[in-house]
Amino acid sequence: MVIKKENHRFVVIIEKDIFEQFKILAEKEKRSASNLAAKMIEDYVRKHN
């Protein structure tokens, strides 16, 4: 996967069981875990900006 110059990548450390639950939630929305996390972060920043 190529990351565009205007995008950034960072690592989030969470408990394994929380991540497994998060993956299930993402699957229910037909998203990958990373895609859902990115959407959640974008929504949060837009709401609080």
C-alpha atoms as a PDB file:
ATOM      1  CA  MET A   1       0.000   0.000   0.000  1.00  0.00           C
ATOM      2  CA  VAL A   2       1.272   3.445  -0.896  1.00  0.00           C
ATOM      3  CA  ILE A   3       0.647   6.368   1.421  1.00  0.00           C
ATOM      4  CA  LYS A   4       0.166   9.683  -0.357  1.00  0.00           C
ATOM      5  CA  LYS A   5       2.416  12.553   0.653  1.00  0.00           C
ATOM      6  CA  GLU A   6      -0.531  14.426   2.179  1.00  0.00           C
ATOM      7  CA  ASN A   7      -1.398  11.484   4.473  1.00  0.00           C
ATOM      8  CA  HIS A   8       0.270  10.378   7.699  1.00  0.00           C
ATOM      9  CA  ARG A   9       0.520   7.033   9.450  1.00  0.00           C
ATOM     10  CA  PHE A  10       0.756   6.457  13.191  1.00  0.00           C
ATOM     11  CA  VAL A  11       0.583   3.506  15.551  1.00  0.00           C
ATOM     12  CA  VAL A  12      -1.972   3.082  18.313  1.00  0.00           C
ATOM     13  CA  ILE A  13      -1.334   0.551  21.060  1.00  0.00           C
ATOM     14  CA  ILE A  14      -4.485  -1.003  22.557  1.00  0.00           C
ATOM     15  CA  GLU A  15      -5.324  -4.186  24.404  1.00  0.00           C
ATOM     16  CA  LYS A  16      -5.640  -7.242  22.188  1.00  0.00           C
ATOM     17  CA  ASP A  17      -9.206  -8.071  23.263  1.00  0.00           C
ATOM     18  CA  ILE A  18     -10.360  -4.505  22.530  1.00  0.00           C
ATOM     19  CA  PHE A  19      -8.768  -4.694  19.082  1.00  0.00           C
ATOM     20  CA  GLU A  20     -10.534  -7.994  18.361  1.00  0.00           C
ATOM     21  CA  GLN A  21     -13.866  -6.439  19.336  1.00  0.00           C
ATOM     22  CA  PHE A  22     -13.056  -3.392  17.205  1.00  0.00           C
ATOM     23  CA  LYS A  23     -12.365  -5.622  14.182  1.00  0.00           C
ATOM     24  CA  ILE A  24     -15.801  -7.220  14.635  1.00  0.00           C
ATOM     25  CA  LEU A  25     -17.422  -3.771  14.685  1.00  0.00           C
ATOM     26  CA  ALA A  26     -15.527  -2.802  11.538  1.00  0.00           C
ATOM     27  CA  GLU A  27     -16.635  -5.986   9.766  1.00  0.00           C
ATOM     28  CA  LYS A  28     -20.264  -5.181  10.614  1.00  0.00           C
ATOM     29  CA  GLU A  29     -19.795  -1.867   8.778  1.00  0.00           C
ATOM     30  CA  LYS A  30     -17.966  -3.631   5.922  1.00  0.00           C
ATOM     31  CA  ARG A  31     -14.745  -1.751   6.706  1.00  0.00           C
ATOM     32  CA  SER A  32     -11.249  -2.685   7.724  1.00  0.00           C
ATOM     33  CA  ALA A  33     -10.195  -1.841  11.268  1.00  0.00           C
ATOM     34  CA  SER A  34      -7.749   0.794  10.013  1.00  0.00           C
ATOM     35  CA  ASN A  35     -10.377   2.371   7.752  1.00  0.00           C
ATOM     36  CA  LEU A  36     -12.892   2.565  10.614  1.00  0.00           C
ATOM     37  CA  ALA A  37     -10.265   4.049  12.946  1.00  0.00           C
ATOM     38  CA  ALA A  38      -9.354   6.688  10.343  1.00  0.00           C
ATOM     39  CA  LYS A  39     -13.024   7.578   9.865  1.00  0.00           C
ATOM     40  CA  MET A  40     -13.579   7.839  13.617  1.00  0.00           C
ATOM     41  CA  ILE A  41     -10.558  10.127  14.022  1.00  0.00           C
ATOM     42  CA  GLU A  42     -11.639  12.326  11.095  1.00  0.00           C
ATOM     43  CA  ASP A  43     -15.186  12.595  12.488  1.00  0.00           C
ATOM     44  CA  TYR A  44     -13.880  13.457  15.966  1.00  0.00           C
ATOM     45  CA  VAL A  45     -11.536  16.168  14.686  1.00  0.00           C
ATOM     46  CA  ARG A  46     -14.218  17.718  12.460  1.00  0.00           C
ATOM     47  CA  LYS A  47     -16.711  17.717  15.346  1.00  0.00           C
ATOM     48  CA  HIS A  48     -14.269  19.360  17.768  1.00  0.00           C
ATOM     49  CA  ASN A  49     -12.609  21.800  15.387  1.00  0.00           C
END
